[in-house]
Amino acid sequence: WDETVQAYERSFGTLCAGTVDRLLGDLPAGMLLDVGCGTGG
């Protein structure tokens, strides 16, 4: 699992990051819950 986490962060984690700016831009300020946070990006 440790190898999988590193592999995800290096590869498909960068793909999933492509929507982060839109998500955070549309969500209000205050307390945010990040469900399925993965490696925390």
PDB file of all heavy atoms in Angstrom:
ATOM      1  N   TRP A   1       0.826  -1.203   0.000  1.00  0.00           N
ATOM      2  CA  TRP A   1       0.000   0.000   0.000  1.00  0.00           C
ATOM      3  C   TRP A   1       0.858   1.249   0.000  1.00  0.00           C
ATOM      4  O   TRP A   1       0.501   2.255  -0.613  1.00  0.00           O
ATOM      5  CB  TRP A   1      -0.945  -0.017   1.205  1.00  0.00           C
ATOM      6  CG  TRP A   1      -2.263  -0.618   0.873  1.00  0.00           C
ATOM      7  CD1 TRP A   1      -2.752  -1.833   1.261  1.00  0.00           C
ATOM      8  CD2 TRP A   1      -3.278  -0.045   0.042  1.00  0.00           C
ATOM      9  NE1 TRP A   1      -3.993  -2.045   0.724  1.00  0.00           N
ATOM     10  CE2 TRP A   1      -4.350  -0.967  -0.021  1.00  0.00           C
ATOM     11  CE3 TRP A   1      -3.383   1.158  -0.653  1.00  0.00           C
ATOM     12  CZ2 TRP A   1      -5.509  -0.724  -0.747  1.00  0.00           C
ATOM     13  CZ3 TRP A   1      -4.540   1.408  -1.395  1.00  0.00           C
ATOM     14  CH2 TRP A   1      -5.575   0.480  -1.428  1.00  0.00           C
ATOM     15  N   ASP A   2       1.987   1.225   0.699  1.00  0.00           N
ATOM     16  CA  ASP A   2       2.874   2.392   0.682  1.00  0.00           C
ATOM     17  C   ASP A   2       3.365   2.666  -0.734  1.00  0.00           C
ATOM     18  O   ASP A   2       3.447   3.821  -1.172  1.00  0.00           O
ATOM     19  CB  ASP A   2       4.065   2.170   1.618  1.00  0.00           C
ATOM     20  CG  ASP A   2       3.668   2.279   3.086  1.00  0.00           C
ATOM     21  OD1 ASP A   2       2.629   2.922   3.369  1.00  0.00           O
ATOM     22  OD2 ASP A   2       4.379   1.732   3.937  1.00  0.00           O
ATOM     23  N   GLU A   3       3.707   1.620  -1.476  1.00  0.00           N
ATOM     24  CA  GLU A   3       4.141   1.783  -2.864  1.00  0.00           C
ATOM     25  C   GLU A   3       2.988   2.319  -3.715  1.00  0.00           C
ATOM     26  O   GLU A   3       3.200   3.156  -4.601  1.00  0.00           O
ATOM     27  CB  GLU A   3       4.632   0.450  -3.421  1.00  0.00           C
ATOM     28  CG  GLU A   3       5.947  -0.021  -2.817  1.00  0.00           C
ATOM     29  CD  GLU A   3       6.291  -1.444  -3.225  1.00  0.00           C
ATOM     30  OE1 GLU A   3       5.366  -2.214  -3.572  1.00  0.00           O
ATOM     31  OE2 GLU A   3       7.479  -1.779  -3.197  1.00  0.00           O
ATOM     32  N   THR A   4       1.777   1.857  -3.449  1.00  0.00           N
ATOM     33  CA  THR A   4       0.625   2.330  -4.202  1.00  0.00           C
ATOM     34  C   THR A   4       0.372   3.802  -3.945  1.00  0.00           C
ATOM     35  O   THR A   4       0.057   4.560  -4.875  1.00  0.00           O
ATOM     36  CB  THR A   4      -0.622   1.499  -3.848  1.00  0.00           C
ATOM     37  OG1 THR A   4      -0.378   0.124  -4.165  1.00  0.00           O
ATOM     38  CG2 THR A   4      -1.843   1.987  -4.603  1.00  0.00           C
ATOM     39  N   VAL A   5       0.496   4.243  -2.712  1.00  0.00           N
ATOM     40  CA  VAL A   5       0.316   5.658  -2.384  1.00  0.00           C
ATOM     41  C   VAL A   5       1.330   6.505  -3.139  1.00  0.00           C
ATOM     42  O   VAL A   5       0.985   7.532  -3.741  1.00  0.00           O
ATOM     43  CB  VAL A   5       0.444   5.879  -0.863  1.00  0.00           C
ATOM     44  CG1 VAL A   5       0.548   7.376  -0.538  1.00  0.00           C
ATOM     45  CG2 VAL A   5      -0.755   5.273  -0.136  1.00  0.00           C
ATOM     46  N   GLN A   6       2.586   6.095  -3.123  1.00  0.00           N
ATOM     47  CA  GLN A   6       3.616   6.842  -3.844  1.00  0.00           C
ATOM     48  C   GLN A   6       3.340   6.847  -5.339  1.00  0.00           C
ATOM     49  O   GLN A   6       3.518   7.870  -6.020  1.00  0.00           O
ATOM     50  CB  GLN A   6       4.986   6.233  -3.552  1.00  0.00           C
ATOM     51  CG  GLN A   6       5.432   6.371  -2.105  1.00  0.00           C
ATOM     52  CD  GLN A   6       6.685   5.575  -1.816  1.00  0.00           C
ATOM     53  OE1 GLN A   6       7.371   5.100  -2.710  1.00  0.00           O
ATOM     54  NE2 GLN A   6       6.985   5.398  -0.531  1.00  0.00           N
ATOM     55  N   ALA A   7       2.911   5.705  -5.859  1.00  0.00           N
ATOM     56  CA  ALA A   7       2.621   5.612  -7.290  1.00  0.00           C
ATOM     57  C   ALA A   7       1.436   6.493  -7.671  1.00  0.00           C
ATOM     58  O   ALA A   7       1.438   7.149  -8.721  1.00  0.00           O
ATOM     59  CB  ALA A   7       2.334   4.163  -7.666  1.00  0.00           C
ATOM     60  N   TYR A   8       0.406   6.526  -6.830  1.00  0.00           N
ATOM     61  CA  TYR A   8      -0.747   7.379  -7.086  1.00  0.00           C
ATOM     62  C   TYR A   8      -0.341   8.845  -7.096  1.00  0.00           C
ATOM     63  O   TYR A   8      -0.737   9.612  -7.991  1.00  0.00           O
ATOM     64  CB  TYR A   8      -1.816   7.134  -6.026  1.00  0.00           C
ATOM     65  CG  TYR A   8      -2.921   8.172  -6.059  1.00  0.00           C
ATOM     66  CD1 TYR A   8      -3.951   8.076  -6.983  1.00  0.00           C
ATOM     67  CD2 TYR A   8      -2.915   9.248  -5.178  1.00  0.00           C
ATOM     68  CE1 TYR A   8      -4.946   9.037  -7.039  1.00  0.00           C
ATOM     69  CE2 TYR A   8      -3.906  10.217  -5.227  1.00  0.00           C
ATOM     70  CZ  TYR A   8      -4.921  10.105  -6.148  1.00  0.00           C
ATOM     71  OH  TYR A   8      -5.896  11.072  -6.201  1.00  0.00           O
ATOM     72  N   GLU A   9       0.430   9.244  -6.114  1.00  0.00           N
ATOM     73  CA  GLU A   9       0.833  10.640  -6.004  1.00  0.00           C
ATOM     74  C   GLU A   9       1.638  11.072  -7.228  1.00  0.00           C
ATOM     75  O   GLU A   9       1.521  12.209  -7.697  1.00  0.00           O
ATOM     76  CB  GLU A   9       1.659  10.831  -4.723  1.00  0.00           C
ATOM     77  CG  GLU A   9       1.776  12.258  -4.251  1.00  0.00           C
ATOM     78  CD  GLU A   9       2.315  12.329  -2.833  1.00  0.00           C
ATOM     79  OE1 GLU A   9       3.132  11.459  -2.455  1.00  0.00           O
ATOM     80  OE2 GLU A   9       1.922  13.241  -2.093  1.00  0.00           O
ATOM     81  N   ARG A  10       2.423  10.170  -7.759  1.00  0.00           N
ATOM     82  CA  ARG A  10       3.281  10.468  -8.905  1.00  0.00           C
ATOM     83  C   ARG A  10       2.506  10.465 -10.221  1.00  0.00           C
ATOM     84  O   ARG A  10       2.920  11.146 -11.175  1.00  0.00           O
ATOM     85  CB  ARG A  10       4.397   9.425  -8.963  1.00  0.00           C
ATOM     86  CG  ARG A  10       5.383   9.585 -10.102  1.00  0.00           C
ATOM     87  CD  ARG A  10       6.469   8.524 -10.021  1.00  0.00           C
ATOM     88  NE  ARG A  10       7.312   8.542 -11.195  1.00  0.00           N
ATOM     89  CZ  ARG A  10       8.319   7.683 -11.421  1.00  0.00           C
ATOM     90  NH1 ARG A  10       8.585   6.751 -10.509  1.00  0.00           N
ATOM     91  NH2 ARG A  10       9.024   7.766 -12.533  1.00  0.00           N
ATOM     92  N   SER A  11       1.406   9.745 -10.280  1.00  0.00           N
ATOM     93  CA  SER A  11       0.720   9.528 -11.552  1.00  0.00           C
ATOM     94  C   SER A  11      -0.705  10.064 -11.537  1.00  0.00           C
ATOM     95  O   SER A  11      -0.933  11.246 -11.819  1.00  0.00           O
ATOM     96  CB  SER A  11       0.736   8.039 -11.893  1.00  0.00           C
ATOM     97  OG  SER A  11       0.090   7.273 -10.870  1.00  0.00           O
ATOM     98  N   PHE A  12      -1.670   9.206 -11.208  1.00  0.00           N
ATOM     99  CA  PHE A  12      -3.062   9.578 -11.357  1.00  0.00           C
ATOM    100  C   PHE A  12      -3.513  10.646 -10.366  1.00  0.00           C
ATOM    101  O   PHE A  12      -4.533  11.302 -10.585  1.00  0.00           O
ATOM    102  CB  PHE A  12      -3.946   8.340 -11.269  1.00  0.00           C
ATOM    103  CG  PHE A  12      -3.731   7.397 -12.421  1.00  0.00           C
ATOM    104  CD1 PHE A  12      -2.988   6.232 -12.257  1.00  0.00           C
ATOM    105  CD2 PHE A  12      -4.229   7.681 -13.667  1.00  0.00           C
ATOM    106  CE1 PHE A  12      -2.766   5.363 -13.321  1.00  0.00           C
ATOM    107  CE2 PHE A  12      -4.019   6.828 -14.742  1.00  0.00           C
ATOM    108  CZ  PHE A  12      -3.279   5.665 -14.573  1.00  0.00           C
ATOM    109  N   GLY A  13      -2.753  10.837  -9.303  1.00  0.00           N
ATOM    110  CA  GLY A  13      -3.052  11.946  -8.409  1.00  0.00           C
ATOM    111  C   GLY A  13      -2.940  13.289  -9.113  1.00  0.00           C
ATOM    112  O   GLY A  13      -3.701  14.222  -8.829  1.00  0.00           O
ATOM    113  N   THR A  14      -2.002  13.400 -10.053  1.00  0.00           N
ATOM    114  CA  THR A  14      -1.866  14.651 -10.802  1.00  0.00           C
ATOM    115  C   THR A  14      -3.020  14.825 -11.785  1.00  0.00           C
ATOM    116  O   THR A  14      -3.379  15.956 -12.124  1.00  0.00           O
ATOM    117  CB  THR A  14      -0.521  14.706 -11.547  1.00  0.00           C
ATOM    118  OG1 THR A  14      -0.488  13.704 -12.578  1.00  0.00           O
ATOM    119  CG2 THR A  14       0.642  14.466 -10.593  1.00  0.00           C
ATOM    120  N   LEU A  15      -3.609  13.725 -12.249  1.00  0.00           N
ATOM    121  CA  LEU A  15      -4.802  13.815 -13.089  1.00  0.00           C
ATOM    122  C   LEU A  15      -5.986  14.333 -12.285  1.00  0.00           C
ATOM    123  O   LEU A  15      -6.699  15.255 -12.717  1.00  0.00           O
ATOM    124  CB  LEU A  15      -5.116  12.439 -13.677  1.00  0.00           C
ATOM    125  CG  LEU A  15      -6.439  12.289 -14.423  1.00  0.00           C
ATOM    126  CD1 LEU A  15      -6.513  13.223 -15.629  1.00  0.00           C
ATOM    127  CD2 LEU A  15      -6.650  10.839 -14.850  1.00  0.00           C
ATOM    128  N   CYS A  16      -6.209  13.767 -11.111  1.00  0.00           N
ATOM    129  CA  CYS A  16      -7.335  14.178 -10.270  1.00  0.00           C
ATOM    130  C   CYS A  16      -7.209  15.625  -9.800  1.00  0.00           C
ATOM    131  O   CYS A  16      -8.208  16.273  -9.478  1.00  0.00           O
ATOM    132  CB  CYS A  16      -7.455  13.250  -9.061  1.00  0.00           C
ATOM    133  SG  CYS A  16      -7.862  11.541  -9.498  1.00  0.00           S
ATOM    134  N   ALA A  17      -5.990  16.147  -9.776  1.00  0.00           N
ATOM    135  CA  ALA A  17      -5.777  17.536  -9.361  1.00  0.00           C
ATOM    136  C   ALA A  17      -6.318  18.526 -10.378  1.00  0.00           C
ATOM    137  O   ALA A  17      -6.453  19.720 -10.076  1.00  0.00           O
ATOM    138  CB  ALA A  17      -4.286  17.788  -9.134  1.00  0.00           C
ATOM    139  N   GLY A  18      -6.673  18.057 -11.587  1.00  0.00           N
ATOM    140  CA  GLY A  18      -7.124  18.965 -12.627  1.00  0.00           C
ATOM    141  C   GLY A  18      -8.426  19.677 -12.328  1.00  0.00           C
ATOM    142  O   GLY A  18      -8.743  20.689 -12.962  1.00  0.00           O
ATOM    143  N   THR A  19      -9.205  19.185 -11.381  1.00  0.00           N
ATOM    144  CA  THR A  19     -10.492  19.800 -11.037  1.00  0.00           C
ATOM    145  C   THR A  19     -10.453  20.584  -9.726  1.00  0.00           C
ATOM    146  O   THR A  19     -11.455  21.180  -9.336  1.00  0.00           O
ATOM    147  CB  THR A  19     -11.570  18.711 -10.921  1.00  0.00           C
ATOM    148  OG1 THR A  19     -11.133  17.732  -9.966  1.00  0.00           O
ATOM    149  CG2 THR A  19     -11.819  18.027 -12.256  1.00  0.00           C
ATOM    150  N   VAL A  20      -9.321  20.600  -9.062  1.00  0.00           N
ATOM    151  CA  VAL A  20      -9.249  21.189  -7.715  1.00  0.00           C
ATOM    152  C   VAL A  20      -9.554  22.679  -7.727  1.00  0.00           C
ATOM    153  O   VAL A  20     -10.307  23.185  -6.881  1.00  0.00           O
ATOM    154  CB  VAL A  20      -7.875  20.912  -7.081  1.00  0.00           C
ATOM    155  CG1 VAL A  20      -7.659  21.765  -5.838  1.00  0.00           C
ATOM    156  CG2 VAL A  20      -7.754  19.434  -6.719  1.00  0.00           C
ATOM    157  N   ASP A  21      -8.987  23.422  -8.666  1.00  0.00           N
ATOM    158  CA  ASP A  21      -9.216  24.871  -8.690  1.00  0.00           C
ATOM    159  C   ASP A  21     -10.694  25.195  -8.868  1.00  0.00           C
ATOM    160  O   ASP A  21     -11.216  26.116  -8.216  1.00  0.00           O
ATOM    161  CB  ASP A  21      -8.401  25.520  -9.809  1.00  0.00           C
ATOM    162  CG  ASP A  21      -6.917  25.608  -9.486  1.00  0.00           C
ATOM    163  OD1 ASP A  21      -6.561  25.486  -8.294  1.00  0.00           O
ATOM    164  OD2 ASP A  21      -6.121  25.801 -10.418  1.00  0.00           O
ATOM    165  N   ARG A  22     -11.376  24.458  -9.738  1.00  0.00           N
ATOM    166  CA  ARG A  22     -12.803  24.718  -9.944  1.00  0.00           C
ATOM    167  C   ARG A  22     -13.594  24.399  -8.687  1.00  0.00           C
ATOM    168  O   ARG A  22     -14.480  25.177  -8.271  1.00  0.00           O
ATOM    169  CB  ARG A  22     -13.321  23.897 -11.125  1.00  0.00           C
ATOM    170  CG  ARG A  22     -14.823  24.046 -11.374  1.00  0.00           C
ATOM    171  CD  ARG A  22     -15.220  25.482 -11.720  1.00  0.00           C
ATOM    172  NE  ARG A  22     -16.653  25.637 -11.816  1.00  0.00           N
ATOM    173  CZ  ARG A  22     -17.342  25.502 -12.954  1.00  0.00           C
ATOM    174  NH1 ARG A  22     -16.708  25.207 -14.091  1.00  0.00           N
ATOM    175  NH2 ARG A  22     -18.649  25.689 -12.953  1.00  0.00           N
ATOM    176  N   LEU A  23     -13.303  23.276  -8.060  1.00  0.00           N
ATOM    177  CA  LEU A  23     -14.010  22.912  -6.835  1.00  0.00           C
ATOM    178  C   LEU A  23     -13.851  23.988  -5.760  1.00  0.00           C
ATOM    179  O   LEU A  23     -14.843  24.464  -5.196  1.00  0.00           O
ATOM    180  CB  LEU A  23     -13.497  21.575  -6.307  1.00  0.00           C
ATOM    181  CG  LEU A  23     -14.014  20.310  -6.985  1.00  0.00           C
ATOM    182  CD1 LEU A  23     -13.150  19.118  -6.607  1.00  0.00           C
ATOM    183  CD2 LEU A  23     -15.468  20.051  -6.609  1.00  0.00           C
ATOM    184  N   LEU A  24     -12.630  24.362  -5.483  1.00  0.00           N
ATOM    185  CA  LEU A  24     -12.402  25.331  -4.413  1.00  0.00           C
ATOM    186  C   LEU A  24     -12.929  26.710  -4.782  1.00  0.00           C
ATOM    187  O   LEU A  24     -13.370  27.465  -3.912  1.00  0.00           O
ATOM    188  CB  LEU A  24     -10.914  25.395  -4.090  1.00  0.00           C
ATOM    189  CG  LEU A  24     -10.331  24.125  -3.455  1.00  0.00           C
ATOM    190  CD1 LEU A  24      -8.845  24.306  -3.154  1.00  0.00           C
ATOM    191  CD2 LEU A  24     -11.085  23.741  -2.189  1.00  0.00           C
ATOM    192  N   GLY A  25     -12.910  27.034  -6.066  1.00  0.00           N
ATOM    193  CA  GLY A  25     -13.449  28.325  -6.488  1.00  0.00           C
ATOM    194  C   GLY A  25     -14.958  28.422  -6.314  1.00  0.00           C
ATOM    195  O   GLY A  25     -15.491  29.514  -6.110  1.00  0.00           O
ATOM    196  N   ASP A  26     -15.662  27.300  -6.384  1.00  0.00           N
ATOM    197  CA  ASP A  26     -17.122  27.296  -6.271  1.00  0.00           C
ATOM    198  C   ASP A  26     -17.621  27.067  -4.849  1.00  0.00           C
ATOM    199  O   ASP A  26     -18.811  27.286  -4.578  1.00  0.00           O
ATOM    200  CB  ASP A  26     -17.717  26.201  -7.166  1.00  0.00           C
ATOM    201  CG  ASP A  26     -17.710  26.586  -8.635  1.00  0.00           C
ATOM    202  OD1 ASP A  26     -17.415  27.759  -8.945  1.00  0.00           O
ATOM    203  OD2 ASP A  26     -17.996  25.703  -9.469  1.00  0.00           O
ATOM    204  N   LEU A  27     -16.759  26.596  -3.962  1.00  0.00           N
ATOM    205  CA  LEU A  27     -17.198  26.277  -2.605  1.00  0.00           C
ATOM    206  C   LEU A  27     -16.988  27.469  -1.679  1.00  0.00           C
ATOM    207  O   LEU A  27     -16.004  28.209  -1.814  1.00  0.00           O
ATOM    208  CB  LEU A  27     -16.447  25.049  -2.076  1.00  0.00           C
ATOM    209  CG  LEU A  27     -16.779  23.738  -2.789  1.00  0.00           C
ATOM    210  CD1 LEU A  27     -15.892  22.604  -2.274  1.00  0.00           C
ATOM    211  CD2 LEU A  27     -18.258  23.381  -2.617  1.00  0.00           C
ATOM    212  N   PRO A  28     -17.896  27.660  -0.714  1.00  0.00           N
ATOM    213  CA  PRO A  28     -17.809  28.838   0.156  1.00  0.00           C
ATOM    214  C   PRO A  28     -16.675  28.736   1.165  1.00  0.00           C
ATOM    215  O   PRO A  28     -16.127  27.659   1.414  1.00  0.00           O
ATOM    216  CB  PRO A  28     -19.166  28.834   0.866  1.00  0.00           C
ATOM    217  CG  PRO A  28     -19.579  27.397   0.874  1.00  0.00           C
ATOM    218  CD  PRO A  28     -19.072  26.825  -0.420  1.00  0.00           C
ATOM    219  N   ALA A  29     -16.333  29.886   1.729  1.00  0.00           N
ATOM    220  CA  ALA A  29     -15.346  29.927   2.810  1.00  0.00           C
ATOM    221  C   ALA A  29     -15.926  29.250   4.050  1.00  0.00           C
ATOM    222  O   ALA A  29     -17.111  28.959   4.131  1.00  0.00           O
ATOM    223  CB  ALA A  29     -14.969  31.377   3.107  1.00  0.00           C
ATOM    224  N   GLY A  30     -15.044  29.043   5.034  1.00  0.00           N
ATOM    225  CA  GLY A  30     -15.484  28.382   6.261  1.00  0.00           C
ATOM    226  C   GLY A  30     -14.898  26.996   6.370  1.00  0.00           C
ATOM    227  O   GLY A  30     -13.895  26.667   5.741  1.00  0.00           O
ATOM    228  N   MET A  31     -15.529  26.148   7.163  1.00  0.00           N
ATOM    229  CA  MET A  31     -15.042  24.795   7.386  1.00  0.00           C
ATOM    230  C   MET A  31     -15.303  23.919   6.157  1.00  0.00           C
ATOM    231  O   MET A  31     -16.440  23.776   5.719  1.00  0.00           O
ATOM    232  CB  MET A  31     -15.717  24.183   8.615  1.00  0.00           C
ATOM    233  CG  MET A  31     -15.308  22.737   8.886  1.00  0.00           C
ATOM    234  SD  MET A  31     -13.523  22.534   9.212  1.00  0.00           S
ATOM    235  CE  MET A  31     -13.414  23.273  10.846  1.00  0.00           C
ATOM    236  N   LEU A  32     -14.238  23.343   5.622  1.00  0.00           N
ATOM    237  CA  LEU A  32     -14.330  22.478   4.447  1.00  0.00           C
ATOM    238  C   LEU A  32     -14.070  21.038   4.849  1.00  0.00           C
ATOM    239  O   LEU A  32     -13.101  20.741   5.543  1.00  0.00           O
ATOM    240  CB  LEU A  32     -13.310  22.900   3.395  1.00  0.00           C
ATOM    241  CG  LEU A  32     -13.157  21.960   2.195  1.00  0.00           C
ATOM    242  CD1 LEU A  32     -14.340  22.110   1.252  1.00  0.00           C
ATOM    243  CD2 LEU A  32     -11.846  22.207   1.455  1.00  0.00           C
ATOM    244  N   LEU A  33     -14.901  20.134   4.363  1.00  0.00           N
ATOM    245  CA  LEU A  33     -14.674  18.703   4.498  1.00  0.00           C
ATOM    246  C   LEU A  33     -14.218  18.168   3.151  1.00  0.00           C
ATOM    247  O   LEU A  33     -14.896  18.351   2.140  1.00  0.00           O
ATOM    248  CB  LEU A  33     -15.957  17.993   4.937  1.00  0.00           C
ATOM    249  CG  LEU A  33     -15.928  16.463   4.899  1.00  0.00           C
ATOM    250  CD1 LEU A  33     -14.902  15.905   5.881  1.00  0.00           C
ATOM    251  CD2 LEU A  33     -17.320  15.888   5.154  1.00  0.00           C
ATOM    252  N   ASP A  34     -13.063  17.504   3.132  1.00  0.00           N
ATOM    253  CA  ASP A  34     -12.549  16.861   1.923  1.00  0.00           C
ATOM    254  C   ASP A  34     -12.707  15.364   2.109  1.00  0.00           C
ATOM    255  O   ASP A  34     -11.957  14.736   2.858  1.00  0.00           O
ATOM    256  CB  ASP A  34     -11.085  17.247   1.716  1.00  0.00           C
ATOM    257  CG  ASP A  34     -10.476  16.609   0.475  1.00  0.00           C
ATOM    258  OD1 ASP A  34     -11.229  16.047  -0.340  1.00  0.00           O
ATOM    259  OD2 ASP A  34      -9.236  16.671   0.327  1.00  0.00           O
ATOM    260  N   VAL A  35     -13.713  14.778   1.436  1.00  0.00           N
ATOM    261  CA  VAL A  35     -13.966  13.337   1.585  1.00  0.00           C
ATOM    262  C   VAL A  35     -13.190  12.579   0.509  1.00  0.00           C
ATOM    263  O   VAL A  35     -13.160  12.985  -0.647  1.00  0.00           O
ATOM    264  CB  VAL A  35     -15.467  13.008   1.515  1.00  0.00           C
ATOM    265  CG1 VAL A  35     -16.204  13.567   2.710  1.00  0.00           C
ATOM    266  CG2 VAL A  35     -16.103  13.512   0.233  1.00  0.00           C
ATOM    267  N   GLY A  36     -12.565  11.476   0.910  1.00  0.00           N
ATOM    268  CA  GLY A  36     -11.709  10.750  -0.013  1.00  0.00           C
ATOM    269  C   GLY A  36     -10.512  11.601  -0.386  1.00  0.00           C
ATOM    270  O   GLY A  36     -10.182  11.777  -1.557  1.00  0.00           O
ATOM    271  N   CYS A  37      -9.826  12.105   0.634  1.00  0.00           N
ATOM    272  CA  CYS A  37      -8.809  13.142   0.438  1.00  0.00           C
ATOM    273  C   CYS A  37      -7.553  12.628  -0.245  1.00  0.00           C
ATOM    274  O   CYS A  37      -6.720  13.425  -0.698  1.00  0.00           O
ATOM    275  CB  CYS A  37      -8.442  13.792   1.761  1.00  0.00           C
ATOM    276  SG  CYS A  37      -7.586  12.688   2.938  1.00  0.00           S
ATOM    277  N   GLY A  38      -7.373  11.299  -0.332  1.00  0.00           N
ATOM    278  CA  GLY A  38      -6.155  10.792  -0.944  1.00  0.00           C
ATOM    279  C   GLY A  38      -4.920  11.269  -0.216  1.00  0.00           C
ATOM    280  O   GLY A  38      -4.843  11.222   1.013  1.00  0.00           O
ATOM    281  N   THR A  39      -3.964  11.771  -0.972  1.00  0.00           N
ATOM    282  CA  THR A  39      -2.703  12.194  -0.366  1.00  0.00           C
ATOM    283  C   THR A  39      -2.734  13.638   0.132  1.00  0.00           C
ATOM    284  O   THR A  39      -1.709  14.161   0.553  1.00  0.00           O
ATOM    285  CB  THR A  39      -1.544  12.014  -1.347  1.00  0.00           C
ATOM    286  OG1 THR A  39      -1.834  12.721  -2.563  1.00  0.00           O
ATOM    287  CG2 THR A  39      -1.336  10.537  -1.667  1.00  0.00           C
ATOM    288  N   GLY A  40      -3.901  14.288   0.074  1.00  0.00           N
ATOM    289  CA  GLY A  40      -4.065  15.578   0.744  1.00  0.00           C
ATOM    290  C   GLY A  40      -3.835  16.813  -0.100  1.00  0.00           C
ATOM    291  O   GLY A  40      -3.794  17.920   0.437  1.00  0.00           O
ATOM    292  N   GLY A  41      -3.742  16.670  -1.422  1.00  0.00           N
ATOM    293  CA  GLY A  41      -3.455  17.826  -2.260  1.00  0.00           C
ATOM    294  C   GLY A  41      -4.533  18.888  -2.220  1.00  0.00           C
ATOM    295  O   GLY A  41      -4.246  20.088  -2.077  1.00  0.00           O
TER     296      GLY A  41
END
